[in-house]
Amino acid sequence: MPEPIGPHSLASAVLVERGGHFYFYQPGLGVIGSAKTISAAYEEFVEERRKYLEEVERAGLSAFPAPSPDGEISAVALRPSLSRELLLFLAKTAIVLAVIGVIGLFAGVVVTRAIDDVAGSLARIRPISMEDVAVKAADIARDLRSLSPEKRETLLRSIAAISREVEPMADAWRNPRQVPEGSKN
């Protein structure tokens, strides 16, 4: 039984958006209306549907083998093909791997440069000989003799204060505390 035909009759249609255009179509009829806006596409669809149904009625045919739902409009998003989705996935994976590779390369360069710098610094250090120690001690003794009596007294007080502060730590290091067995400390 055909639906009522009129400029505002309800239709069960599918809405699809592709490439900036909206398409309404009714799968059972094969009627399509398209435009750049949803409202204009629907108006185009209703007009095309009305013309089609008038032609079907003039021919004495029935366009609707079964009653359609009460004017529901369904939105369906067309899914890209499996091969397209697979290619998109592979492209995204390649981009992620490239980014990870660049980050890894950059980190490797930074670490390599840091290791080279440390190795170079260590290579420039020469071993200290007893002669170096004797020369440094002579320099210190000469500097001490050239100090004024006030500066010498201040230096002796500072050394005594440092010695008092360091003595308990040095003693604890030389004679570690004995922990009784069975104790967790």
N, C-alpha and C. Protein backbone atom coordinates (compact mmCIF):
# COMPACT_ATOMS: atom_id res chain seq x y z
N MET A 1 0.84 -1.17 0.00
CA MET A 1 0.00 0.00 0.00
C MET A 1 0.89 1.24 0.00
N PRO A 2 0.74 2.11 -0.97
CA PRO A 2 1.61 3.28 -1.05
C PRO A 2 1.38 4.24 0.09
N GLU A 3 2.46 4.94 0.46
CA GLU A 3 2.36 5.98 1.48
C GLU A 3 1.67 7.18 0.87
N PRO A 4 1.09 8.04 1.72
CA PRO A 4 0.48 9.25 1.17
C PRO A 4 1.54 10.09 0.48
N ILE A 5 1.19 10.61 -0.68
CA ILE A 5 2.12 11.44 -1.45
C ILE A 5 1.76 12.88 -1.22
N GLY A 6 2.76 13.67 -0.94
CA GLY A 6 2.54 15.10 -0.75
C GLY A 6 3.89 15.77 -0.57
N PRO A 7 3.91 17.08 -0.58
CA PRO A 7 5.19 17.78 -0.46
C PRO A 7 5.86 17.55 0.88
N HIS A 8 5.09 17.22 1.91
CA HIS A 8 5.68 17.05 3.24
C HIS A 8 5.48 15.65 3.78
N SER A 9 5.30 14.64 2.95
CA SER A 9 5.12 13.28 3.44
C SER A 9 6.43 12.77 4.02
N LEU A 10 6.32 11.98 5.08
CA LEU A 10 7.50 11.47 5.78
C LEU A 10 8.11 10.32 4.99
N ALA A 11 9.41 10.19 5.08
CA ALA A 11 10.10 9.14 4.37
C ALA A 11 11.13 8.49 5.28
N SER A 12 11.36 7.20 5.07
CA SER A 12 12.42 6.51 5.77
C SER A 12 13.65 6.64 4.89
N ALA A 13 14.63 7.39 5.35
CA ALA A 13 15.77 7.69 4.49
C ALA A 13 17.07 7.46 5.25
N VAL A 14 18.14 7.34 4.47
CA VAL A 14 19.48 7.18 5.02
C VAL A 14 20.27 8.43 4.65
N LEU A 15 21.02 8.95 5.62
CA LEU A 15 21.84 10.14 5.39
C LEU A 15 23.30 9.72 5.33
N VAL A 16 23.99 10.18 4.29
CA VAL A 16 25.41 9.89 4.11
C VAL A 16 26.12 11.20 3.79
N GLU A 17 27.30 11.39 4.38
CA GLU A 17 28.11 12.56 4.06
C GLU A 17 29.39 12.06 3.41
N ARG A 18 29.71 12.63 2.28
CA ARG A 18 30.95 12.24 1.60
C ARG A 18 31.45 13.43 0.79
N GLY A 19 32.70 13.79 1.04
CA GLY A 19 33.34 14.85 0.26
C GLY A 19 32.66 16.20 0.40
N GLY A 20 32.10 16.50 1.55
CA GLY A 20 31.49 17.81 1.77
C GLY A 20 30.05 17.91 1.28
N HIS A 21 29.49 16.82 0.74
CA HIS A 21 28.10 16.80 0.30
C HIS A 21 27.32 15.83 1.17
N PHE A 22 26.03 16.12 1.35
CA PHE A 22 25.13 15.26 2.09
C PHE A 22 24.19 14.59 1.10
N TYR A 23 23.96 13.29 1.31
CA TYR A 23 23.11 12.52 0.42
C TYR A 23 22.02 11.84 1.25
N PHE A 24 20.77 12.00 0.84
CA PHE A 24 19.66 11.26 1.41
C PHE A 24 19.21 10.28 0.34
N TYR A 25 18.97 9.05 0.76
CA TYR A 25 18.41 8.11 -0.19
C TYR A 25 17.53 7.12 0.53
N GLN A 26 16.62 6.52 -0.22
CA GLN A 26 15.72 5.52 0.33
C GLN A 26 16.04 4.22 -0.38
N PRO A 27 16.63 3.27 0.34
CA PRO A 27 17.12 2.06 -0.30
C PRO A 27 16.05 1.30 -1.10
N GLY A 28 14.83 1.21 -0.63
CA GLY A 28 13.79 0.47 -1.34
C GLY A 28 13.38 1.13 -2.64
N LEU A 29 13.54 2.42 -2.75
CA LEU A 29 13.11 3.15 -3.94
C LEU A 29 14.27 3.51 -4.87
N GLY A 30 15.44 3.70 -4.32
CA GLY A 30 16.57 4.13 -5.13
C GLY A 30 16.52 5.60 -5.45
N VAL A 31 15.84 6.39 -4.63
CA VAL A 31 15.74 7.83 -4.83
C VAL A 31 16.84 8.50 -4.02
N ILE A 32 17.53 9.45 -4.66
CA ILE A 32 18.64 10.15 -3.99
C ILE A 32 18.46 11.65 -4.15
N GLY A 33 18.76 12.38 -3.06
CA GLY A 33 18.80 13.83 -3.09
C GLY A 33 20.10 14.27 -2.44
N SER A 34 20.79 15.24 -3.05
CA SER A 34 22.06 15.66 -2.47
C SER A 34 22.19 17.18 -2.55
N ALA A 35 22.98 17.71 -1.59
CA ALA A 35 23.28 19.14 -1.55
C ALA A 35 24.43 19.35 -0.57
N LYS A 36 24.86 20.61 -0.43
CA LYS A 36 25.97 20.90 0.48
C LYS A 36 25.53 21.01 1.93
N THR A 37 24.22 21.16 2.20
CA THR A 37 23.72 21.21 3.57
C THR A 37 22.72 20.08 3.76
N ILE A 38 22.52 19.68 5.02
CA ILE A 38 21.59 18.58 5.31
C ILE A 38 20.17 18.96 4.92
N SER A 39 19.75 20.17 5.29
CA SER A 39 18.36 20.57 5.00
C SER A 39 18.11 20.64 3.50
N ALA A 40 19.04 21.19 2.74
CA ALA A 40 18.87 21.29 1.29
C ALA A 40 18.88 19.90 0.66
N ALA A 41 19.73 18.99 1.18
CA ALA A 41 19.77 17.62 0.65
C ALA A 41 18.45 16.92 0.92
N TYR A 42 17.87 17.13 2.10
CA TYR A 42 16.60 16.48 2.43
C TYR A 42 15.48 17.04 1.56
N GLU A 43 15.45 18.35 1.36
CA GLU A 43 14.42 18.93 0.49
C GLU A 43 14.53 18.38 -0.93
N GLU A 44 15.76 18.26 -1.43
CA GLU A 44 15.99 17.69 -2.75
C GLU A 44 15.49 16.24 -2.80
N PHE A 45 15.79 15.49 -1.74
CA PHE A 45 15.36 14.10 -1.66
C PHE A 45 13.84 13.99 -1.67
N VAL A 46 13.18 14.80 -0.85
CA VAL A 46 11.71 14.76 -0.78
C VAL A 46 11.09 15.09 -2.14
N GLU A 47 11.65 16.09 -2.83
CA GLU A 47 11.14 16.47 -4.14
C GLU A 47 11.32 15.33 -5.15
N GLU A 48 12.49 14.71 -5.19
CA GLU A 48 12.76 13.60 -6.10
C GLU A 48 11.86 12.41 -5.77
N ARG A 49 11.66 12.17 -4.48
CA ARG A 49 10.80 11.06 -4.04
C ARG A 49 9.36 11.31 -4.46
N ARG A 50 8.91 12.56 -4.30
CA ARG A 50 7.54 12.89 -4.68
C ARG A 50 7.34 12.65 -6.18
N LYS A 51 8.27 13.11 -7.01
CA LYS A 51 8.18 12.91 -8.45
C LYS A 51 8.15 11.42 -8.79
N TYR A 52 9.03 10.66 -8.15
CA TYR A 52 9.11 9.22 -8.41
C TYR A 52 7.80 8.53 -8.05
N LEU A 53 7.27 8.86 -6.86
CA LEU A 53 6.02 8.20 -6.42
C LEU A 53 4.84 8.60 -7.31
N GLU A 54 4.82 9.82 -7.81
CA GLU A 54 3.75 10.23 -8.74
C GLU A 54 3.83 9.40 -10.02
N GLU A 55 5.06 9.17 -10.52
CA GLU A 55 5.24 8.35 -11.73
C GLU A 55 4.78 6.92 -11.48
N VAL A 56 5.16 6.39 -10.31
CA VAL A 56 4.76 5.02 -9.97
C VAL A 56 3.24 4.93 -9.89
N GLU A 57 2.59 5.92 -9.29
CA GLU A 57 1.13 5.90 -9.14
C GLU A 57 0.46 6.03 -10.51
N ARG A 58 0.95 6.89 -11.38
CA ARG A 58 0.38 7.04 -12.73
C ARG A 58 0.48 5.74 -13.50
N ALA A 59 1.55 4.98 -13.24
CA ALA A 59 1.72 3.71 -13.95
C ALA A 59 0.86 2.61 -13.33
N GLY A 60 0.27 2.87 -12.16
CA GLY A 60 -0.57 1.87 -11.50
C GLY A 60 0.22 0.81 -10.77
N LEU A 61 1.43 1.13 -10.40
CA LEU A 61 2.28 0.18 -9.69
C LEU A 61 2.34 0.52 -8.21
N SER A 62 2.95 -0.40 -7.43
CA SER A 62 3.15 -0.16 -6.00
C SER A 62 4.65 -0.05 -5.74
N ALA A 63 5.05 1.04 -5.14
CA ALA A 63 6.47 1.26 -4.86
C ALA A 63 6.89 0.67 -3.53
N PHE A 64 5.94 0.31 -2.67
CA PHE A 64 6.26 -0.16 -1.32
C PHE A 64 5.73 -1.57 -1.11
N PRO A 65 6.61 -2.59 -1.16
CA PRO A 65 6.13 -3.94 -0.92
C PRO A 65 5.71 -4.15 0.54
N ALA A 66 6.32 -3.45 1.45
CA ALA A 66 5.96 -3.55 2.87
C ALA A 66 5.90 -2.14 3.43
N PRO A 67 5.07 -1.92 4.46
CA PRO A 67 5.01 -0.58 5.04
C PRO A 67 6.37 -0.19 5.64
N SER A 68 6.69 1.08 5.45
CA SER A 68 7.95 1.57 6.00
C SER A 68 7.72 2.16 7.38
N PRO A 69 8.78 2.28 8.19
CA PRO A 69 8.62 2.86 9.53
C PRO A 69 8.11 4.30 9.44
N ASP A 70 7.58 4.80 10.54
CA ASP A 70 6.98 6.13 10.59
C ASP A 70 8.02 7.23 10.46
N GLY A 71 8.44 7.50 9.28
CA GLY A 71 9.27 8.67 9.01
C GLY A 71 10.58 8.75 9.74
N GLU A 72 11.20 7.63 10.09
CA GLU A 72 12.49 7.69 10.77
C GLU A 72 13.59 8.04 9.77
N ILE A 73 14.50 8.83 10.22
CA ILE A 73 15.67 9.14 9.41
C ILE A 73 16.87 8.48 10.08
N SER A 74 17.53 7.58 9.37
CA SER A 74 18.68 6.87 9.92
C SER A 74 19.95 7.49 9.37
N ALA A 75 20.94 7.57 10.22
CA ALA A 75 22.24 8.07 9.76
C ALA A 75 23.18 6.89 9.67
N VAL A 76 23.79 6.71 8.53
CA VAL A 76 24.71 5.61 8.32
C VAL A 76 26.03 6.20 7.81
N ALA A 77 27.09 5.80 8.44
CA ALA A 77 28.41 6.24 7.98
C ALA A 77 28.98 5.13 7.12
N LEU A 78 29.37 5.45 5.91
CA LEU A 78 29.96 4.45 5.05
C LEU A 78 31.36 4.15 5.55
N ARG A 79 31.68 2.86 5.64
CA ARG A 79 32.98 2.44 6.11
C ARG A 79 33.90 2.26 4.91
N PRO A 80 35.13 2.71 5.04
CA PRO A 80 36.07 2.49 3.96
C PRO A 80 36.36 0.99 3.82
N SER A 81 36.86 0.62 2.69
CA SER A 81 37.14 -0.79 2.45
C SER A 81 38.25 -1.29 3.37
N LEU A 82 38.33 -2.60 3.51
CA LEU A 82 39.32 -3.21 4.38
C LEU A 82 40.73 -2.87 3.90
N SER A 83 40.94 -2.90 2.60
CA SER A 83 42.28 -2.59 2.09
C SER A 83 42.67 -1.14 2.40
N ARG A 84 41.71 -0.22 2.33
CA ARG A 84 42.02 1.18 2.64
C ARG A 84 42.35 1.34 4.12
N GLU A 85 41.58 0.66 4.99
CA GLU A 85 41.86 0.74 6.42
C GLU A 85 43.20 0.10 6.74
N LEU A 86 43.53 -0.99 6.08
CA LEU A 86 44.81 -1.65 6.30
C LEU A 86 45.97 -0.74 5.86
N LEU A 87 45.82 -0.08 4.72
CA LEU A 87 46.85 0.85 4.25
C LEU A 87 47.01 2.03 5.21
N LEU A 88 45.89 2.53 5.73
CA LEU A 88 45.94 3.63 6.70
C LEU A 88 46.66 3.19 7.97
N PHE A 89 46.36 1.97 8.44
CA PHE A 89 47.02 1.44 9.62
C PHE A 89 48.52 1.31 9.39
N LEU A 90 48.91 0.77 8.23
CA LEU A 90 50.33 0.61 7.92
C LEU A 90 51.03 1.96 7.83
N ALA A 91 50.36 2.96 7.26
CA ALA A 91 50.95 4.30 7.18
C ALA A 91 51.17 4.88 8.57
N LYS A 92 50.18 4.73 9.44
CA LYS A 92 50.32 5.24 10.81
C LYS A 92 51.43 4.51 11.55
N THR A 93 51.52 3.20 11.36
CA THR A 93 52.58 2.42 12.00
C THR A 93 53.95 2.87 11.52
N ALA A 94 54.08 3.12 10.23
CA ALA A 94 55.36 3.58 9.68
C ALA A 94 55.75 4.94 10.27
N ILE A 95 54.77 5.83 10.43
CA ILE A 95 55.05 7.14 11.02
C ILE A 95 55.52 7.00 12.46
N VAL A 96 54.84 6.14 13.23
CA VAL A 96 55.22 5.93 14.64
C VAL A 96 56.63 5.35 14.71
N LEU A 97 56.93 4.37 13.87
CA LEU A 97 58.27 3.77 13.89
C LEU A 97 59.34 4.79 13.49
N ALA A 98 59.02 5.64 12.53
CA ALA A 98 59.98 6.67 12.12
C ALA A 98 60.24 7.64 13.26
N VAL A 99 59.19 8.05 13.97
CA VAL A 99 59.36 8.98 15.10
C VAL A 99 60.19 8.32 16.19
N ILE A 100 59.89 7.06 16.49
CA ILE A 100 60.65 6.34 17.52
C ILE A 100 62.11 6.21 17.10
N GLY A 101 62.34 5.94 15.82
CA GLY A 101 63.71 5.83 15.32
C GLY A 101 64.48 7.12 15.45
N VAL A 102 63.83 8.24 15.12
CA VAL A 102 64.49 9.54 15.23
C VAL A 102 64.81 9.85 16.68
N ILE A 103 63.87 9.58 17.57
CA ILE A 103 64.11 9.82 19.00
C ILE A 103 65.25 8.93 19.49
N GLY A 104 65.24 7.65 19.09
CA GLY A 104 66.31 6.74 19.49
C GLY A 104 67.66 7.17 18.95
N LEU A 105 67.68 7.62 17.72
CA LEU A 105 68.93 8.10 17.11
C LEU A 105 69.46 9.31 17.86
N PHE A 106 68.56 10.25 18.17
CA PHE A 106 68.96 11.46 18.89
C PHE A 106 69.50 11.09 20.27
N ALA A 107 68.78 10.20 20.98
CA ALA A 107 69.23 9.78 22.32
C ALA A 107 70.58 9.07 22.22
N GLY A 108 70.76 8.25 21.18
CA GLY A 108 72.03 7.55 21.01
C GLY A 108 73.17 8.51 20.77
N VAL A 109 72.93 9.54 19.96
CA VAL A 109 73.97 10.54 19.70
C VAL A 109 74.33 11.27 20.98
N VAL A 110 73.33 11.65 21.77
CA VAL A 110 73.58 12.39 23.01
C VAL A 110 74.37 11.51 23.99
N VAL A 111 73.97 10.25 24.14
CA VAL A 111 74.67 9.36 25.07
C VAL A 111 76.10 9.10 24.59
N THR A 112 76.25 8.88 23.29
CA THR A 112 77.59 8.65 22.74
C THR A 112 78.48 9.86 22.96
N ARG A 113 77.94 11.04 22.73
CA ARG A 113 78.73 12.26 22.93
C ARG A 113 79.13 12.42 24.40
N ALA A 114 78.20 12.12 25.33
CA ALA A 114 78.51 12.22 26.76
C ALA A 114 79.58 11.23 27.16
N ILE A 115 79.51 10.00 26.63
CA ILE A 115 80.53 9.00 26.95
C ILE A 115 81.88 9.43 26.41
N ASP A 116 81.88 9.96 25.18
CA ASP A 116 83.14 10.43 24.59
C ASP A 116 83.74 11.57 25.41
N ASP A 117 82.90 12.49 25.89
CA ASP A 117 83.39 13.60 26.71
C ASP A 117 84.02 13.09 28.01
N VAL A 118 83.34 12.15 28.67
CA VAL A 118 83.87 11.61 29.93
C VAL A 118 85.18 10.87 29.67
N ALA A 119 85.19 10.05 28.60
CA ALA A 119 86.42 9.30 28.28
C ALA A 119 87.56 10.25 27.97
N GLY A 120 87.28 11.33 27.22
CA GLY A 120 88.31 12.31 26.91
C GLY A 120 88.84 12.99 28.15
N SER A 121 87.93 13.31 29.08
CA SER A 121 88.36 13.95 30.33
C SER A 121 89.24 13.02 31.14
N LEU A 122 88.85 11.75 31.19
CA LEU A 122 89.64 10.79 31.95
C LEU A 122 91.01 10.57 31.31
N ALA A 123 91.05 10.62 29.97
CA ALA A 123 92.32 10.41 29.28
C ALA A 123 93.29 11.57 29.54
N ARG A 124 92.76 12.77 29.76
CA ARG A 124 93.62 13.94 30.00
C ARG A 124 94.19 13.97 31.42
N ILE A 125 93.59 13.20 32.33
CA ILE A 125 94.08 13.19 33.71
C ILE A 125 95.36 12.35 33.76
N ARG A 126 96.40 12.94 34.29
CA ARG A 126 97.64 12.17 34.40
C ARG A 126 97.76 11.68 35.84
N PRO A 127 98.42 10.58 36.02
CA PRO A 127 98.57 10.04 37.38
C PRO A 127 99.39 11.00 38.26
N ILE A 128 99.08 11.01 39.55
CA ILE A 128 99.80 11.87 40.50
C ILE A 128 100.98 11.07 41.05
N SER A 129 102.13 11.66 40.94
CA SER A 129 103.34 10.99 41.46
C SER A 129 103.70 11.58 42.82
N MET A 130 104.63 10.94 43.50
CA MET A 130 105.09 11.45 44.79
C MET A 130 105.80 12.78 44.61
N GLU A 131 106.39 12.97 43.46
CA GLU A 131 107.05 14.25 43.18
C GLU A 131 106.02 15.38 43.16
N ASP A 132 104.82 15.12 42.55
CA ASP A 132 103.75 16.12 42.52
C ASP A 132 103.30 16.46 43.94
N VAL A 133 103.20 15.42 44.80
CA VAL A 133 102.78 15.65 46.19
C VAL A 133 103.83 16.49 46.91
N ALA A 134 105.12 16.20 46.70
CA ALA A 134 106.20 16.96 47.36
C ALA A 134 106.21 18.41 46.90
N VAL A 135 105.99 18.64 45.61
CA VAL A 135 105.95 20.01 45.07
C VAL A 135 104.78 20.77 45.69
N LYS A 136 103.61 20.14 45.78
CA LYS A 136 102.43 20.80 46.34
C LYS A 136 102.64 21.10 47.82
N ALA A 137 103.25 20.17 48.56
CA ALA A 137 103.53 20.40 49.99
C ALA A 137 104.48 21.59 50.16
N ALA A 138 105.47 21.69 49.31
CA ALA A 138 106.42 22.81 49.37
C ALA A 138 105.69 24.13 49.08
N ASP A 139 104.76 24.11 48.12
CA ASP A 139 103.97 25.31 47.82
C ASP A 139 103.13 25.73 49.02
N ILE A 140 102.53 24.76 49.70
CA ILE A 140 101.69 25.06 50.87
C ILE A 140 102.55 25.63 51.99
N ALA A 141 103.72 25.02 52.24
CA ALA A 141 104.61 25.51 53.30
C ALA A 141 105.07 26.94 53.01
N ARG A 142 105.41 27.21 51.77
CA ARG A 142 105.84 28.56 51.38
C ARG A 142 104.69 29.55 51.60
N ASP A 143 103.46 29.17 51.23
CA ASP A 143 102.30 30.04 51.43
C ASP A 143 102.05 30.28 52.91
N LEU A 144 102.25 29.24 53.75
CA LEU A 144 102.03 29.40 55.20
C LEU A 144 103.06 30.38 55.79
N ARG A 145 104.31 30.31 55.33
CA ARG A 145 105.34 31.23 55.84
C ARG A 145 105.07 32.67 55.44
N SER A 146 104.43 32.84 54.31
CA SER A 146 104.18 34.21 53.84
C SER A 146 102.93 34.83 54.47
N LEU A 147 102.14 34.04 55.23
CA LEU A 147 100.93 34.58 55.87
C LEU A 147 101.29 35.49 57.03
N SER A 148 100.45 36.49 57.26
CA SER A 148 100.63 37.36 58.42
C SER A 148 100.25 36.57 59.67
N PRO A 149 100.72 36.98 60.85
CA PRO A 149 100.41 36.24 62.08
C PRO A 149 98.90 36.14 62.34
N GLU A 150 98.13 37.16 62.01
CA GLU A 150 96.67 37.11 62.23
C GLU A 150 96.02 36.07 61.31
N LYS A 151 96.44 36.06 60.06
CA LYS A 151 95.88 35.11 59.08
C LYS A 151 96.27 33.68 59.45
N ARG A 152 97.54 33.52 59.95
CA ARG A 152 97.99 32.20 60.35
C ARG A 152 97.15 31.69 61.51
N GLU A 153 96.85 32.56 62.50
CA GLU A 153 96.03 32.18 63.67
C GLU A 153 94.62 31.80 63.22
N THR A 154 94.05 32.56 62.30
CA THR A 154 92.71 32.26 61.77
C THR A 154 92.70 30.91 61.06
N LEU A 155 93.74 30.63 60.30
CA LEU A 155 93.85 29.35 59.60
C LEU A 155 93.92 28.20 60.59
N LEU A 156 94.74 28.34 61.65
CA LEU A 156 94.87 27.28 62.66
C LEU A 156 93.54 27.03 63.36
N ARG A 157 92.80 28.07 63.68
CA ARG A 157 91.48 27.90 64.32
C ARG A 157 90.52 27.17 63.38
N SER A 158 90.52 27.55 62.11
CA SER A 158 89.63 26.92 61.14
C SER A 158 89.96 25.44 60.98
N ILE A 159 91.26 25.12 60.92
CA ILE A 159 91.67 23.71 60.80
C ILE A 159 91.26 22.94 62.04
N ALA A 160 91.38 23.55 63.23
CA ALA A 160 90.99 22.88 64.48
C ALA A 160 89.48 22.63 64.49
N ALA A 161 88.68 23.60 64.03
CA ALA A 161 87.22 23.43 63.99
C ALA A 161 86.83 22.32 63.02
N ILE A 162 87.49 22.31 61.89
CA ILE A 162 87.19 21.27 60.90
C ILE A 162 87.58 19.90 61.46
N SER A 163 88.70 19.83 62.12
CA SER A 163 89.18 18.58 62.70
C SER A 163 88.19 18.06 63.74
N ARG A 164 87.67 18.96 64.60
CA ARG A 164 86.68 18.53 65.61
C ARG A 164 85.41 17.99 64.97
N GLU A 165 84.99 18.59 63.85
CA GLU A 165 83.76 18.15 63.18
C GLU A 165 83.96 16.83 62.45
N VAL A 166 85.14 16.64 61.90
CA VAL A 166 85.40 15.45 61.09
C VAL A 166 85.80 14.25 61.96
N GLU A 167 86.36 14.49 63.12
CA GLU A 167 86.88 13.42 63.98
C GLU A 167 85.85 12.33 64.27
N PRO A 168 84.60 12.64 64.67
CA PRO A 168 83.64 11.55 64.95
C PRO A 168 83.35 10.71 63.69
N MET A 169 83.29 11.36 62.53
CA MET A 169 83.02 10.61 61.30
C MET A 169 84.20 9.72 60.95
N ALA A 170 85.40 10.23 61.11
CA ALA A 170 86.58 9.43 60.81
C ALA A 170 86.69 8.27 61.78
N ASP A 171 86.38 8.51 63.05
CA ASP A 171 86.43 7.45 64.06
C ASP A 171 85.39 6.37 63.75
N ALA A 172 84.19 6.77 63.36
CA ALA A 172 83.13 5.81 63.02
C ALA A 172 83.51 5.01 61.78
N TRP A 173 84.22 5.65 60.88
CA TRP A 173 84.64 4.94 59.66
C TRP A 173 85.75 3.93 59.97
N ARG A 174 86.67 4.34 60.85
CA ARG A 174 87.77 3.43 61.22
C ARG A 174 87.28 2.30 62.11
N ASN A 175 86.34 2.58 63.02
CA ASN A 175 85.83 1.58 63.97
C ASN A 175 84.32 1.48 63.83
N PRO A 176 83.83 0.71 62.85
CA PRO A 176 82.37 0.63 62.67
C PRO A 176 81.70 -0.01 63.87
N ARG A 177 80.47 0.40 64.12
CA ARG A 177 79.69 -0.10 65.24
C ARG A 177 79.38 -1.57 65.01
N GLN A 178 79.51 -2.36 66.05
CA GLN A 178 79.23 -3.80 65.97
C GLN A 178 77.75 -4.00 66.21
N VAL A 179 77.07 -4.68 65.26
CA VAL A 179 75.65 -4.95 65.38
C VAL A 179 75.48 -6.36 65.92
N PRO A 180 74.74 -6.52 67.06
CA PRO A 180 74.52 -7.86 67.59
C PRO A 180 73.76 -8.72 66.59
N GLU A 181 74.07 -10.00 66.58
CA GLU A 181 73.39 -10.90 65.66
C GLU A 181 71.92 -10.99 66.01
N GLY A 182 71.06 -11.13 64.99
CA GLY A 182 69.62 -11.20 65.19
C GLY A 182 68.97 -9.84 65.14
N SER A 183 69.75 -8.77 65.16
CA SER A 183 69.20 -7.43 65.07
C SER A 183 69.12 -7.03 63.60
N LYS A 184 68.06 -6.28 63.27
CA LYS A 184 67.86 -5.87 61.88
C LYS A 184 68.52 -4.55 61.58
N ASN A 185 69.06 -3.82 62.52
CA ASN A 185 69.69 -2.52 62.29
C ASN A 185 71.08 -2.65 61.85
